[in-house]
Amino acid sequence: MRDVCLKTADAGKDGTALYRYSELLWAIYTDPYLVFSPKTCFVVEDELGICGYTLAALDTAAMQEWALREWLPPFQQAYPLALAQQCGQNDQELLHLIHEPLPLLPFVQDFPSHLHIDLLPRAQKRGLGRRLIEKLLETLIALGSKGVHFGVDGQNLNAQAFYHHIGFEDLVVLPDNTRLMGMHLPRFS
């Protein structure tokens, strides 16, 4: 999963050359989900191994509280913010996220779950992304979530079109075309 994360870290393209501390990508975007919310983590595998995943937090606010209290302090100690002076912009952004996580967004009340999905090129255009999202949404609904949100890089126009096609709506569009997208989930009565 870590390899998929790194090889899709540049708006869906290989980000290997962009990071000196790629382990911080995993500390933010993969590993905490596996620890905090393993029931909402799914992978796709082919003959070469894992080629995609979707990871989610059922309750974004609870996950953030846990991360601030338990998950992030060891990374903050191992990777002091002073390292930012020696790195490129991508590593600087990760270091700042480790030390100063983004505040909860106002729409978290209506879209309390959030997700990450990444597919290597060999897994794209085969219906696997749709199947991963469907399985995740089914699981989130069964666990009682009323909505899910996530961000899509402004350069990843194919992904944005795909998510619109399967029913996600734009919640916020930033000046660089990055989108925060969401979907209300049906409730079981």
N, C-alpha and C. Protein backbone atom coordinates (compact mmCIF):
# COMPACT_ATOMS: atom_id res chain seq x y z
N MET A 1 0.81 -1.19 0.00
CA MET A 1 0.00 0.00 0.00
C MET A 1 0.86 1.26 0.00
N ARG A 2 1.95 1.20 0.75
CA ARG A 2 2.84 2.35 0.79
C ARG A 2 3.40 2.66 -0.60
N ASP A 3 3.73 1.62 -1.34
CA ASP A 3 4.26 1.81 -2.68
C ASP A 3 3.22 2.47 -3.58
N VAL A 4 1.98 2.03 -3.47
CA VAL A 4 0.90 2.64 -4.26
C VAL A 4 0.74 4.10 -3.88
N CYS A 5 0.81 4.40 -2.59
CA CYS A 5 0.70 5.78 -2.12
C CYS A 5 1.78 6.66 -2.75
N LEU A 6 3.01 6.21 -2.71
CA LEU A 6 4.12 6.98 -3.26
C LEU A 6 4.03 7.10 -4.78
N LYS A 7 3.65 6.01 -5.43
CA LYS A 7 3.61 6.01 -6.90
C LYS A 7 2.38 6.70 -7.47
N THR A 8 1.53 7.25 -6.60
CA THR A 8 0.39 8.05 -7.06
C THR A 8 0.39 9.43 -6.40
N ALA A 9 1.47 9.78 -5.73
CA ALA A 9 1.53 10.99 -4.90
C ALA A 9 1.67 12.29 -5.69
N ASP A 10 1.86 12.21 -6.98
CA ASP A 10 1.98 13.41 -7.81
C ASP A 10 0.72 13.53 -8.68
N ALA A 11 -0.39 13.90 -8.04
CA ALA A 11 -1.68 14.03 -8.73
C ALA A 11 -2.02 12.77 -9.52
N GLY A 12 -1.78 11.61 -8.90
CA GLY A 12 -2.08 10.34 -9.54
C GLY A 12 -0.90 9.73 -10.28
N LYS A 13 0.20 10.48 -10.39
CA LYS A 13 1.40 9.97 -11.06
C LYS A 13 2.47 9.66 -10.01
N ASP A 14 3.55 9.05 -10.46
CA ASP A 14 4.62 8.64 -9.57
C ASP A 14 5.27 9.85 -8.88
N GLY A 15 5.23 9.85 -7.55
CA GLY A 15 5.79 10.95 -6.79
C GLY A 15 7.12 10.61 -6.14
N THR A 16 7.73 9.49 -6.52
CA THR A 16 8.96 9.04 -5.88
C THR A 16 10.03 10.12 -5.84
N ALA A 17 10.23 10.82 -6.93
CA ALA A 17 11.29 11.83 -7.00
C ALA A 17 10.97 13.10 -6.22
N LEU A 18 9.74 13.23 -5.75
CA LEU A 18 9.33 14.47 -5.09
C LEU A 18 9.56 14.49 -3.59
N TYR A 19 9.87 13.32 -3.01
CA TYR A 19 9.92 13.23 -1.55
C TYR A 19 11.25 12.67 -1.05
N ARG A 20 11.82 13.36 -0.10
CA ARG A 20 12.99 12.84 0.61
C ARG A 20 12.53 11.98 1.78
N TYR A 21 11.42 12.37 2.40
CA TYR A 21 10.87 11.66 3.56
C TYR A 21 9.53 11.04 3.18
N SER A 22 9.57 10.10 2.27
CA SER A 22 8.32 9.49 1.81
C SER A 22 7.58 8.78 2.93
N GLU A 23 8.30 8.38 3.97
CA GLU A 23 7.63 7.73 5.11
C GLU A 23 6.61 8.65 5.76
N LEU A 24 6.74 9.96 5.58
CA LEU A 24 5.73 10.87 6.11
C LEU A 24 4.43 10.80 5.33
N LEU A 25 4.53 10.46 4.04
CA LEU A 25 3.30 10.22 3.27
C LEU A 25 2.50 9.10 3.92
N TRP A 26 3.19 8.04 4.27
CA TRP A 26 2.52 6.87 4.86
C TRP A 26 2.01 7.19 6.25
N ALA A 27 2.75 8.02 6.97
CA ALA A 27 2.33 8.40 8.33
C ALA A 27 1.05 9.22 8.32
N ILE A 28 0.77 9.87 7.19
CA ILE A 28 -0.43 10.71 7.07
C ILE A 28 -1.53 10.00 6.29
N TYR A 29 -1.17 9.39 5.16
CA TYR A 29 -2.20 8.95 4.20
C TYR A 29 -2.50 7.46 4.15
N THR A 30 -1.71 6.61 4.79
CA THR A 30 -2.05 5.18 4.76
C THR A 30 -2.09 4.56 6.15
N ASP A 31 -0.97 4.54 6.82
CA ASP A 31 -0.84 3.77 8.06
C ASP A 31 -1.85 4.10 9.15
N PRO A 32 -2.17 5.38 9.40
CA PRO A 32 -3.12 5.63 10.49
C PRO A 32 -4.50 5.03 10.25
N TYR A 33 -4.89 4.92 9.01
CA TYR A 33 -6.20 4.33 8.70
C TYR A 33 -6.21 2.85 9.03
N LEU A 34 -5.10 2.19 8.74
CA LEU A 34 -5.00 0.76 9.03
C LEU A 34 -5.04 0.49 10.53
N VAL A 35 -4.52 1.43 11.32
CA VAL A 35 -4.51 1.27 12.77
C VAL A 35 -5.85 1.70 13.37
N PHE A 36 -6.34 2.86 12.96
CA PHE A 36 -7.53 3.44 13.59
C PHE A 36 -8.84 2.83 13.09
N SER A 37 -8.90 2.51 11.81
CA SER A 37 -10.17 2.11 11.22
C SER A 37 -10.00 0.98 10.21
N PRO A 38 -9.47 -0.17 10.62
CA PRO A 38 -9.19 -1.24 9.65
C PRO A 38 -10.43 -1.79 8.94
N LYS A 39 -11.61 -1.65 9.52
CA LYS A 39 -12.84 -2.15 8.88
C LYS A 39 -13.21 -1.37 7.63
N THR A 40 -12.61 -0.19 7.46
CA THR A 40 -12.92 0.64 6.30
C THR A 40 -11.73 0.78 5.36
N CYS A 41 -10.90 -0.24 5.32
CA CYS A 41 -9.71 -0.25 4.45
C CYS A 41 -9.79 -1.47 3.52
N PHE A 42 -9.65 -1.21 2.22
CA PHE A 42 -9.76 -2.28 1.22
C PHE A 42 -8.66 -2.13 0.19
N VAL A 43 -8.16 -3.25 -0.32
CA VAL A 43 -7.12 -3.23 -1.34
C VAL A 43 -7.58 -4.01 -2.58
N VAL A 44 -6.94 -3.69 -3.68
CA VAL A 44 -7.10 -4.44 -4.93
C VAL A 44 -5.73 -5.01 -5.25
N GLU A 45 -5.72 -6.25 -5.65
CA GLU A 45 -4.47 -6.95 -5.91
C GLU A 45 -4.56 -7.61 -7.28
N ASP A 46 -3.44 -7.65 -7.98
CA ASP A 46 -3.36 -8.41 -9.22
C ASP A 46 -2.16 -9.34 -9.12
N GLU A 47 -1.75 -9.91 -10.23
CA GLU A 47 -0.64 -10.88 -10.22
C GLU A 47 0.68 -10.26 -9.76
N LEU A 48 0.81 -8.94 -9.81
CA LEU A 48 2.03 -8.26 -9.39
C LEU A 48 1.97 -7.76 -7.94
N GLY A 49 0.82 -7.89 -7.33
CA GLY A 49 0.66 -7.44 -5.94
C GLY A 49 -0.41 -6.38 -5.79
N ILE A 50 -0.38 -5.69 -4.67
CA ILE A 50 -1.38 -4.64 -4.41
C ILE A 50 -1.20 -3.53 -5.44
N CYS A 51 -2.31 -3.16 -6.07
CA CYS A 51 -2.25 -2.13 -7.11
C CYS A 51 -3.23 -0.99 -6.85
N GLY A 52 -3.91 -1.05 -5.72
CA GLY A 52 -4.82 0.03 -5.36
C GLY A 52 -5.42 -0.19 -4.00
N TYR A 53 -6.01 0.87 -3.47
CA TYR A 53 -6.66 0.77 -2.17
C TYR A 53 -7.65 1.91 -2.00
N THR A 54 -8.53 1.72 -1.06
CA THR A 54 -9.32 2.80 -0.52
C THR A 54 -9.28 2.66 1.00
N LEU A 55 -9.04 3.78 1.65
CA LEU A 55 -8.93 3.83 3.11
C LEU A 55 -9.89 4.90 3.59
N ALA A 56 -10.52 4.66 4.73
CA ALA A 56 -11.46 5.67 5.22
C ALA A 56 -11.45 5.71 6.74
N ALA A 57 -11.86 6.85 7.23
CA ALA A 57 -12.16 7.02 8.65
C ALA A 57 -13.66 7.18 8.75
N LEU A 58 -14.29 6.34 9.52
CA LEU A 58 -15.73 6.44 9.72
C LEU A 58 -16.08 7.78 10.35
N ASP A 59 -15.29 8.21 11.32
CA ASP A 59 -15.53 9.45 12.06
C ASP A 59 -14.27 10.31 12.00
N THR A 60 -14.26 11.27 11.12
CA THR A 60 -13.10 12.14 10.91
C THR A 60 -12.67 12.84 12.20
N ALA A 61 -13.63 13.37 12.94
CA ALA A 61 -13.30 14.10 14.17
C ALA A 61 -12.64 13.17 15.19
N ALA A 62 -13.18 11.97 15.36
CA ALA A 62 -12.59 11.02 16.32
C ALA A 62 -11.20 10.61 15.88
N MET A 63 -11.01 10.41 14.57
CA MET A 63 -9.69 10.03 14.09
C MET A 63 -8.69 11.16 14.32
N GLN A 64 -9.11 12.40 14.10
CA GLN A 64 -8.19 13.51 14.31
C GLN A 64 -7.80 13.63 15.78
N GLU A 65 -8.77 13.47 16.68
CA GLU A 65 -8.46 13.51 18.12
C GLU A 65 -7.44 12.42 18.47
N TRP A 66 -7.68 11.21 17.98
CA TRP A 66 -6.76 10.09 18.23
C TRP A 66 -5.37 10.40 17.66
N ALA A 67 -5.33 10.91 16.44
CA ALA A 67 -4.04 11.20 15.80
C ALA A 67 -3.25 12.24 16.60
N LEU A 68 -3.92 13.29 17.05
CA LEU A 68 -3.24 14.33 17.82
C LEU A 68 -2.71 13.79 19.15
N ARG A 69 -3.46 12.90 19.75
CA ARG A 69 -3.11 12.37 21.06
C ARG A 69 -2.09 11.23 20.99
N GLU A 70 -2.27 10.31 20.02
CA GLU A 70 -1.46 9.09 20.01
C GLU A 70 -0.58 8.88 18.78
N TRP A 71 -1.10 9.18 17.61
CA TRP A 71 -0.40 8.83 16.39
C TRP A 71 0.73 9.79 16.04
N LEU A 72 0.46 11.07 16.07
CA LEU A 72 1.42 12.05 15.57
C LEU A 72 2.61 12.34 16.48
N PRO A 73 2.48 12.33 17.82
CA PRO A 73 3.63 12.69 18.65
C PRO A 73 4.94 11.96 18.34
N PRO A 74 4.95 10.64 18.09
CA PRO A 74 6.23 10.01 17.74
C PRO A 74 6.83 10.55 16.44
N PHE A 75 5.98 10.88 15.47
CA PHE A 75 6.48 11.43 14.21
C PHE A 75 6.97 12.86 14.41
N GLN A 76 6.29 13.61 15.26
CA GLN A 76 6.73 14.97 15.55
C GLN A 76 8.11 14.97 16.20
N GLN A 77 8.35 13.98 17.05
CA GLN A 77 9.66 13.87 17.70
C GLN A 77 10.75 13.44 16.71
N ALA A 78 10.43 12.45 15.88
CA ALA A 78 11.41 11.91 14.94
C ALA A 78 11.70 12.87 13.77
N TYR A 79 10.72 13.70 13.44
CA TYR A 79 10.86 14.62 12.30
C TYR A 79 10.53 16.04 12.77
N PRO A 80 11.47 16.71 13.43
CA PRO A 80 11.21 18.07 13.92
C PRO A 80 10.92 19.03 12.76
N LEU A 81 10.13 20.01 13.06
CA LEU A 81 9.74 20.99 12.04
C LEU A 81 10.95 21.71 11.46
N ALA A 82 12.04 21.77 12.20
CA ALA A 82 13.26 22.41 11.71
C ALA A 82 13.80 21.73 10.45
N LEU A 83 13.45 20.46 10.23
CA LEU A 83 13.88 19.76 9.01
C LEU A 83 13.35 20.43 7.75
N ALA A 84 12.27 21.16 7.88
CA ALA A 84 11.66 21.81 6.72
C ALA A 84 12.63 22.74 6.01
N GLN A 85 13.59 23.29 6.75
CA GLN A 85 14.57 24.19 6.14
C GLN A 85 15.50 23.47 5.17
N GLN A 86 15.59 22.13 5.30
CA GLN A 86 16.52 21.35 4.47
C GLN A 86 15.81 20.59 3.34
N CYS A 87 14.52 20.77 3.18
CA CYS A 87 13.78 19.95 2.20
C CYS A 87 13.09 20.78 1.17
N GLY A 88 12.59 20.05 0.19
CA GLY A 88 11.78 20.66 -0.85
C GLY A 88 10.36 20.91 -0.37
N GLN A 89 9.58 21.54 -1.22
CA GLN A 89 8.23 21.97 -0.87
C GLN A 89 7.33 20.80 -0.45
N ASN A 90 7.41 19.68 -1.14
CA ASN A 90 6.53 18.55 -0.83
C ASN A 90 6.81 18.00 0.58
N ASP A 91 8.07 17.84 0.92
CA ASP A 91 8.41 17.39 2.27
C ASP A 91 8.02 18.44 3.31
N GLN A 92 8.20 19.71 2.98
CA GLN A 92 7.81 20.78 3.90
C GLN A 92 6.32 20.69 4.22
N GLU A 93 5.51 20.45 3.20
CA GLU A 93 4.06 20.33 3.42
C GLU A 93 3.74 19.17 4.35
N LEU A 94 4.41 18.03 4.16
CA LEU A 94 4.18 16.88 5.03
C LEU A 94 4.60 17.17 6.47
N LEU A 95 5.75 17.81 6.62
CA LEU A 95 6.23 18.15 7.96
C LEU A 95 5.24 19.08 8.67
N HIS A 96 4.71 20.03 7.94
CA HIS A 96 3.73 20.94 8.54
C HIS A 96 2.45 20.18 8.91
N LEU A 97 2.03 19.23 8.09
CA LEU A 97 0.84 18.44 8.42
C LEU A 97 1.06 17.58 9.66
N ILE A 98 2.27 17.08 9.83
CA ILE A 98 2.59 16.27 11.01
C ILE A 98 2.53 17.14 12.27
N HIS A 99 3.05 18.37 12.16
CA HIS A 99 3.15 19.25 13.33
C HIS A 99 1.93 20.15 13.53
N GLU A 100 1.27 20.49 12.45
CA GLU A 100 0.11 21.38 12.52
C GLU A 100 -1.00 20.84 11.63
N PRO A 101 -1.68 19.77 12.07
CA PRO A 101 -2.73 19.19 11.23
C PRO A 101 -3.80 20.23 10.87
N LEU A 102 -4.39 20.04 9.72
CA LEU A 102 -5.43 20.96 9.27
C LEU A 102 -6.63 20.88 10.20
N PRO A 103 -7.30 22.00 10.41
CA PRO A 103 -8.50 21.96 11.26
C PRO A 103 -9.62 21.19 10.54
N LEU A 104 -10.57 20.73 11.34
CA LEU A 104 -11.73 20.06 10.75
C LEU A 104 -12.48 21.05 9.88
N LEU A 105 -12.97 20.58 8.77
CA LEU A 105 -13.72 21.43 7.85
C LEU A 105 -15.16 21.56 8.32
N PRO A 106 -15.80 22.68 8.01
CA PRO A 106 -17.15 22.91 8.52
C PRO A 106 -18.18 21.87 8.07
N PHE A 107 -17.96 21.23 6.94
CA PHE A 107 -18.96 20.27 6.46
C PHE A 107 -18.80 18.88 7.06
N VAL A 108 -17.86 18.69 7.99
CA VAL A 108 -17.65 17.38 8.60
C VAL A 108 -18.90 16.89 9.34
N GLN A 109 -19.70 17.80 9.83
CA GLN A 109 -20.93 17.38 10.51
C GLN A 109 -21.86 16.65 9.55
N ASP A 110 -21.96 17.12 8.31
CA ASP A 110 -22.83 16.47 7.32
C ASP A 110 -22.14 15.34 6.57
N PHE A 111 -20.82 15.38 6.51
CA PHE A 111 -20.02 14.36 5.82
C PHE A 111 -18.93 13.87 6.79
N PRO A 112 -19.32 13.13 7.84
CA PRO A 112 -18.39 12.82 8.92
C PRO A 112 -17.26 11.85 8.56
N SER A 113 -17.45 11.05 7.55
CA SER A 113 -16.41 10.11 7.13
C SER A 113 -15.55 10.76 6.06
N HIS A 114 -14.31 10.30 5.92
CA HIS A 114 -13.50 10.75 4.79
C HIS A 114 -12.72 9.57 4.24
N LEU A 115 -12.30 9.70 2.99
CA LEU A 115 -11.63 8.58 2.33
C LEU A 115 -10.43 9.04 1.54
N HIS A 116 -9.58 8.06 1.25
CA HIS A 116 -8.47 8.20 0.30
C HIS A 116 -8.56 7.00 -0.63
N ILE A 117 -8.32 7.23 -1.90
CA ILE A 117 -8.29 6.14 -2.86
C ILE A 117 -7.15 6.39 -3.81
N ASP A 118 -6.39 5.35 -4.10
CA ASP A 118 -5.28 5.45 -5.05
C ASP A 118 -5.20 4.15 -5.83
N LEU A 119 -5.01 4.28 -7.14
CA LEU A 119 -4.83 3.13 -8.02
C LEU A 119 -3.62 3.37 -8.90
N LEU A 120 -2.77 2.36 -9.00
CA LEU A 120 -1.66 2.44 -9.95
C LEU A 120 -2.22 2.44 -11.37
N PRO A 121 -1.48 2.98 -12.33
CA PRO A 121 -1.98 3.00 -13.72
C PRO A 121 -2.44 1.64 -14.23
N ARG A 122 -1.75 0.57 -13.84
CA ARG A 122 -2.14 -0.75 -14.35
C ARG A 122 -3.51 -1.20 -13.81
N ALA A 123 -4.01 -0.56 -12.77
CA ALA A 123 -5.30 -0.92 -12.20
C ALA A 123 -6.42 0.02 -12.65
N GLN A 124 -6.06 1.05 -13.38
CA GLN A 124 -7.06 2.04 -13.81
C GLN A 124 -7.78 1.59 -15.08
N LYS A 125 -8.97 2.14 -15.25
CA LYS A 125 -9.81 1.88 -16.42
C LYS A 125 -10.20 0.41 -16.54
N ARG A 126 -10.31 -0.26 -15.37
CA ARG A 126 -10.73 -1.66 -15.34
C ARG A 126 -11.93 -1.85 -14.41
N GLY A 127 -12.51 -0.76 -13.95
CA GLY A 127 -13.65 -0.84 -13.05
C GLY A 127 -13.28 -1.09 -11.60
N LEU A 128 -11.99 -1.16 -11.30
CA LEU A 128 -11.55 -1.48 -9.94
C LEU A 128 -11.78 -0.32 -8.98
N GLY A 129 -11.59 0.90 -9.44
CA GLY A 129 -11.84 2.07 -8.60
C GLY A 129 -13.31 2.13 -8.20
N ARG A 130 -14.18 1.90 -9.14
CA ARG A 130 -15.62 1.89 -8.86
C ARG A 130 -15.95 0.80 -7.85
N ARG A 131 -15.38 -0.39 -8.03
CA ARG A 131 -15.65 -1.48 -7.10
C ARG A 131 -15.13 -1.17 -5.70
N LEU A 132 -13.96 -0.57 -5.61
CA LEU A 132 -13.43 -0.17 -4.30
C LEU A 132 -14.35 0.84 -3.63
N ILE A 133 -14.76 1.86 -4.37
CA ILE A 133 -15.65 2.89 -3.81
C ILE A 133 -16.98 2.28 -3.40
N GLU A 134 -17.55 1.42 -4.25
CA GLU A 134 -18.83 0.79 -3.90
C GLU A 134 -18.72 -0.02 -2.62
N LYS A 135 -17.65 -0.81 -2.48
CA LYS A 135 -17.45 -1.61 -1.28
C LYS A 135 -17.29 -0.70 -0.05
N LEU A 136 -16.53 0.36 -0.20
CA LEU A 136 -16.33 1.28 0.90
C LEU A 136 -17.65 1.96 1.28
N LEU A 137 -18.39 2.45 0.31
CA LEU A 137 -19.65 3.12 0.62
C LEU A 137 -20.63 2.17 1.30
N GLU A 138 -20.69 0.95 0.81
CA GLU A 138 -21.54 -0.08 1.43
C GLU A 138 -21.14 -0.28 2.90
N THR A 139 -19.86 -0.33 3.15
CA THR A 139 -19.36 -0.52 4.52
C THR A 139 -19.67 0.70 5.39
N LEU A 140 -19.44 1.90 4.87
CA LEU A 140 -19.72 3.11 5.63
C LEU A 140 -21.21 3.21 5.98
N ILE A 141 -22.06 2.87 5.03
CA ILE A 141 -23.50 2.88 5.29
C ILE A 141 -23.84 1.87 6.39
N ALA A 142 -23.31 0.66 6.28
CA ALA A 142 -23.58 -0.37 7.28
C ALA A 142 -23.09 0.05 8.67
N LEU A 143 -22.03 0.85 8.72
CA LEU A 143 -21.50 1.32 10.00
C LEU A 143 -22.19 2.59 10.50
N GLY A 144 -23.14 3.12 9.72
CA GLY A 144 -23.95 4.24 10.16
C GLY A 144 -23.52 5.62 9.73
N SER A 145 -22.60 5.74 8.78
CA SER A 145 -22.16 7.06 8.32
C SER A 145 -23.27 7.72 7.51
N LYS A 146 -23.42 9.02 7.68
CA LYS A 146 -24.42 9.74 6.89
C LYS A 146 -23.80 10.47 5.70
N GLY A 147 -22.47 10.49 5.60
CA GLY A 147 -21.84 11.15 4.46
C GLY A 147 -20.33 10.99 4.51
N VAL A 148 -19.72 11.12 3.33
CA VAL A 148 -18.28 10.94 3.20
C VAL A 148 -17.72 12.05 2.32
N HIS A 149 -16.50 12.47 2.62
CA HIS A 149 -15.84 13.52 1.83
C HIS A 149 -14.39 13.14 1.58
N PHE A 150 -13.76 13.83 0.64
CA PHE A 150 -12.34 13.64 0.33
C PHE A 150 -11.89 14.75 -0.60
N GLY A 151 -10.59 14.86 -0.79
CA GLY A 151 -10.02 15.87 -1.67
C GLY A 151 -9.45 15.25 -2.93
N VAL A 152 -9.55 15.99 -4.04
CA VAL A 152 -8.99 15.55 -5.31
C VAL A 152 -8.11 16.67 -5.84
N ASP A 153 -6.87 16.34 -6.14
CA ASP A 153 -5.90 17.30 -6.67
C ASP A 153 -6.47 18.02 -7.90
N GLY A 154 -6.19 19.31 -7.98
CA GLY A 154 -6.68 20.12 -9.08
C GLY A 154 -6.15 19.69 -10.44
N GLN A 155 -5.02 19.00 -10.49
CA GLN A 155 -4.46 18.54 -11.76
C GLN A 155 -5.04 17.21 -12.21
N ASN A 156 -5.71 16.50 -11.30
CA ASN A 156 -6.20 15.16 -11.62
C ASN A 156 -7.62 15.24 -12.17
N LEU A 157 -7.74 15.74 -13.38
CA LEU A 157 -9.04 15.97 -14.00
C LEU A 157 -9.80 14.67 -14.28
N ASN A 158 -9.09 13.61 -14.63
CA ASN A 158 -9.75 12.32 -14.86
C ASN A 158 -10.42 11.83 -13.59
N ALA A 159 -9.74 11.94 -12.47
CA ALA A 159 -10.33 11.50 -11.20
C ALA A 159 -11.55 12.36 -10.86
N GLN A 160 -11.44 13.65 -11.05
CA GLN A 160 -12.57 14.53 -10.75
C GLN A 160 -13.80 14.12 -11.59
N ALA A 161 -13.58 13.87 -12.87
CA ALA A 161 -14.69 13.46 -13.74
C ALA A 161 -15.28 12.12 -13.27
N PHE A 162 -14.43 11.19 -12.90
CA PHE A 162 -14.90 9.88 -12.42
C PHE A 162 -15.78 10.05 -11.19
N TYR A 163 -15.33 10.84 -10.21
CA TYR A 163 -16.10 10.99 -8.98
C TYR A 163 -17.42 11.70 -9.22
N HIS A 164 -17.43 12.69 -10.09
CA HIS A 164 -18.70 13.33 -10.45
C HIS A 164 -19.63 12.29 -11.09
N HIS A 165 -19.08 11.47 -11.95
CA HIS A 165 -19.88 10.46 -12.67
C HIS A 165 -20.55 9.47 -11.72
N ILE A 166 -19.87 9.12 -10.63
CA ILE A 166 -20.46 8.13 -9.72
C ILE A 166 -21.27 8.77 -8.59
N GLY A 167 -21.45 10.09 -8.63
CA GLY A 167 -22.39 10.71 -7.72
C GLY A 167 -21.83 11.62 -6.64
N PHE A 168 -20.53 11.88 -6.64
CA PHE A 168 -19.98 12.82 -5.67
C PHE A 168 -20.22 14.24 -6.16
N GLU A 169 -20.41 15.15 -5.23
CA GLU A 169 -20.62 16.56 -5.57
C GLU A 169 -19.46 17.39 -5.04
N ASP A 170 -19.24 18.52 -5.66
CA ASP A 170 -18.23 19.45 -5.18
C ASP A 170 -18.75 20.14 -3.93
N LEU A 171 -17.97 20.11 -2.87
CA LEU A 171 -18.31 20.84 -1.64
C LEU A 171 -17.57 22.17 -1.63
N VAL A 172 -16.32 22.14 -2.09
CA VAL A 172 -15.48 23.34 -2.18
C VAL A 172 -14.57 23.16 -3.39
N VAL A 173 -14.41 24.22 -4.18
CA VAL A 173 -13.45 24.22 -5.28
C VAL A 173 -12.46 25.34 -4.98
N LEU A 174 -11.20 24.97 -4.82
CA LEU A 174 -10.15 25.94 -4.49
C LEU A 174 -9.63 26.61 -5.77
N PRO A 175 -8.92 27.73 -5.65
CA PRO A 175 -8.42 28.44 -6.83
C PRO A 175 -7.56 27.58 -7.76
N ASP A 176 -6.86 26.57 -7.23
CA ASP A 176 -6.03 25.72 -8.09
C ASP A 176 -6.82 24.55 -8.68
N ASN A 177 -8.14 24.58 -8.55
CA ASN A 177 -9.06 23.54 -9.05
C ASN A 177 -9.08 22.28 -8.18
N THR A 178 -8.33 22.27 -7.07
CA THR A 178 -8.46 21.17 -6.11
C THR A 178 -9.88 21.20 -5.59
N ARG A 179 -10.45 20.02 -5.46
CA ARG A 179 -11.84 19.93 -5.04
C ARG A 179 -11.98 19.09 -3.78
N LEU A 180 -12.80 19.56 -2.89
CA LEU A 180 -13.25 18.76 -1.78
C LEU A 180 -14.64 18.29 -2.19
N MET A 181 -14.77 16.97 -2.27
CA MET A 181 -16.00 16.39 -2.80
C MET A 181 -16.68 15.58 -1.70
N GLY A 182 -17.98 15.40 -1.84
CA GLY A 182 -18.70 14.66 -0.83
C GLY A 182 -19.92 13.95 -1.41
N MET A 183 -20.45 13.04 -0.59
CA MET A 183 -21.65 12.31 -0.95
C MET A 183 -22.43 12.02 0.32
N HIS A 184 -23.72 12.35 0.29
CA HIS A 184 -24.61 11.95 1.39
C HIS A 184 -24.89 10.46 1.23
N LEU A 185 -24.92 9.75 2.34
CA LEU A 185 -25.16 8.31 2.30
C LEU A 185 -26.54 8.00 2.86
N PRO A 186 -27.24 7.06 2.26
CA PRO A 186 -28.56 6.70 2.77
C PRO A 186 -28.45 6.05 4.14
N ARG A 187 -29.47 6.26 4.94
CA ARG A 187 -29.48 5.73 6.31
C ARG A 187 -30.40 4.53 6.37
N PHE A 188 -29.99 3.53 7.15
CA PHE A 188 -30.87 2.42 7.45
C PHE A 188 -31.81 2.86 8.56
N SER A 189 -33.08 2.49 8.46
CA SER A 189 -34.00 2.86 9.54
C SER A 189 -34.15 1.75 10.54
